[in-house]
Structure formats: C-alpha cells, structure tokens
C-alpha atoms as a PDB file:
ATOM      1  CA  MET A   1     -15.993   7.904 -50.579  1.00  0.00           C
ATOM      2  CA  LYS A   2     -19.211   7.047 -52.324  1.00  0.00           C
ATOM      3  CA  ALA A   3     -19.585   4.479 -55.062  1.00  0.00           C
ATOM      4  CA  SER A   4     -21.521   6.980 -57.184  1.00  0.00           C
ATOM      5  CA  GLU A   5     -18.472   9.257 -57.239  1.00  0.00           C
ATOM      6  CA  LEU A   6     -16.231   6.355 -58.210  1.00  0.00           C
ATOM      7  CA  ARG A   7     -18.511   5.170 -61.012  1.00  0.00           C
ATOM      8  CA  GLU A   8     -17.775   8.395 -62.894  1.00  0.00           C
ATOM      9  CA  LEU A   9     -14.027   7.633 -63.029  1.00  0.00           C
ATOM     10  CA  SER A  10     -12.290   5.692 -65.786  1.00  0.00           C
ATOM     11  CA  VAL A  11     -10.485   2.401 -65.190  1.00  0.00           C
ATOM     12  CA  ASP A  12      -7.097   4.147 -65.224  1.00  0.00           C
ATOM     13  CA  ASP A  13      -8.315   6.689 -62.679  1.00  0.00           C
ATOM     14  CA  LEU A  14      -9.647   3.888 -60.483  1.00  0.00           C
ATOM     15  CA  VAL A  15      -6.296   2.098 -60.574  1.00  0.00           C
ATOM     16  CA  ALA A  16      -4.523   5.323 -59.592  1.00  0.00           C
ATOM     17  CA  LYS A  17      -7.046   5.883 -56.796  1.00  0.00           C
ATOM     18  CA  GLU A  18      -6.462   2.336 -55.545  1.00  0.00           C
ATOM     19  CA  LYS A  19      -2.711   2.946 -55.385  1.00  0.00           C
ATOM     20  CA  ASP A  20      -3.229   6.190 -53.473  1.00  0.00           C
ATOM     21  CA  LEU A  21      -5.566   4.522 -50.983  1.00  0.00           C
ATOM     22  CA  ALA A  22      -3.184   1.602 -50.501  1.00  0.00           C
ATOM     23  CA  GLU A  23      -0.339   4.012 -49.826  1.00  0.00           C
ATOM     24  CA  GLU A  24      -2.408   5.924 -47.271  1.00  0.00           C
ATOM     25  CA  LEU A  25      -3.414   2.658 -45.598  1.00  0.00           C
ATOM     26  CA  PHE A  26       0.247   1.654 -45.366  1.00  0.00           C
ATOM     27  CA  LYS A  27       1.124   4.995 -43.783  1.00  0.00           C
ATOM     28  CA  LEU A  28      -1.689   4.648 -41.247  1.00  0.00           C
ATOM     29  CA  LYS A  29      -0.632   1.111 -40.349  1.00  0.00           C
ATOM     30  CA  PHE A  30       2.941   2.303 -39.906  1.00  0.00           C
ATOM     31  CA  GLN A  31       1.828   5.175 -37.676  1.00  0.00           C
ATOM     32  CA  HIS A  32      -0.354   2.800 -35.680  1.00  0.00           C
ATOM     33  CA  GLY A  33       2.644   0.542 -35.131  1.00  0.00           C
ATOM     34  CA  ILE A  34       4.670   3.413 -33.698  1.00  0.00           C
ATOM     35  CA  ARG A  35       1.927   4.882 -31.549  1.00  0.00           C
ATOM     36  CA  PRO A  36      -1.805   4.207 -31.264  1.00  0.00           C
ATOM     37  CA  LEU A  37      -4.012   6.145 -33.635  1.00  0.00           C
ATOM     38  CA  GLU A  38      -6.716   8.397 -32.240  1.00  0.00           C
ATOM     39  CA  ASN A  39      -9.217   7.140 -34.798  1.00  0.00           C
ATOM     40  CA  THR A  40      -8.582   3.491 -35.612  1.00  0.00           C
ATOM     41  CA  ALA A  41     -11.778   3.314 -37.652  1.00  0.00           C
ATOM     42  CA  LYS A  42      -9.857   4.954 -40.495  1.00  0.00           C
ATOM     43  CA  LEU A  43      -8.007   1.673 -41.064  1.00  0.00           C
ATOM     44  CA  GLY A  44     -11.240  -0.176 -41.764  1.00  0.00           C
ATOM     45  CA  GLN A  45     -12.589   2.639 -43.878  1.00  0.00           C
ATOM     46  CA  PHE A  46      -9.505   2.638 -46.113  1.00  0.00           C
ATOM     47  CA  LYS A  47      -9.801  -1.146 -46.538  1.00  0.00           C
ATOM     48  CA  LYS A  48     -13.445  -0.793 -47.560  1.00  0.00           C
ATOM     49  CA  ASP A  49     -12.623   2.031 -49.983  1.00  0.00           C
ATOM     50  CA  ILE A  50      -9.899  -0.067 -51.606  1.00  0.00           C
ATOM     51  CA  ALA A  51     -12.297  -2.998 -51.990  1.00  0.00           C
ATOM     52  CA  ARG A  52     -14.942  -0.690 -53.466  1.00  0.00           C
ATOM     53  CA  VAL A  53     -12.464   0.701 -56.012  1.00  0.00           C
ATOM     54  CA  LYS A  54     -11.264  -2.795 -56.978  1.00  0.00           C
ATOM     55  CA  THR A  55     -14.838  -3.991 -57.443  1.00  0.00           C
ATOM     56  CA  LEU A  56     -15.806  -1.066 -59.660  1.00  0.00           C
ATOM     57  CA  ALA A  57     -12.599  -1.367 -61.713  1.00  0.00           C
ATOM     58  CA  GLY A  58     -13.325  -5.048 -62.291  1.00  0.00           C
ATOM     59  CA  GLU A  59     -16.899  -4.295 -63.328  1.00  0.00           C
ATOM     60  CA  LYS A  60     -15.738  -1.659 -65.805  1.00  0.00           C
ATOM     61  CA  ARG A  61     -13.069  -3.961 -67.270  1.00  0.00           C
ATOM     62  CA  GLU A  62     -15.628  -6.730 -67.655  1.00  0.00           C
ATOM     63  CA  SER A  63     -18.147  -4.444 -69.352  1.00  0.00           C
ATOM     64  CA  GLU A  64     -15.469  -3.131 -71.728  1.00  0.00           C
ATOM     65  CA  ALA A  65     -14.382  -6.666 -72.605  1.00  0.00           C
ATOM     66  CA  SER A  66     -17.936  -7.809 -73.345  1.00  0.00           C
ATOM     67  CA  SER A  67     -18.676  -4.790 -75.540  1.00  0.00           C
END
C-alpha cells in the first residue's frame, strides 16, 4: 500500500483501514502459530502498513487542529 493512496483518505477512513490491517495481522499471527506461513514477509509488511496509516492519521489530525 502506497502512502500516496493513503493520503487521499479521510481520518475516519484511515482509522477504519488501521483496524482492518490490525485484524489481518492478528489472523496471520494466529495462522503462523498453528503452522508456518509460506510467506512470512507479510507479517512485516502489515506492521509497516499499520505504522504508515497511523502516521498519516496523526499528520491529518494535527493539520486539522492547527487550521
């Protein structure tokens, strides 16, 4: 997921996206606990996507508060 795509979303959409990503990460971790994943790089990618969404949501909240 690219940051340019996320910048177009509103704060509410970013929060919803963060929840979806966190849920998917939980599911992947659970699956990995039961049996090894074929592509373990997905775990790191989901963590990075969540961090990216949180960063952009914080930036948007800050810019709205200062306006």
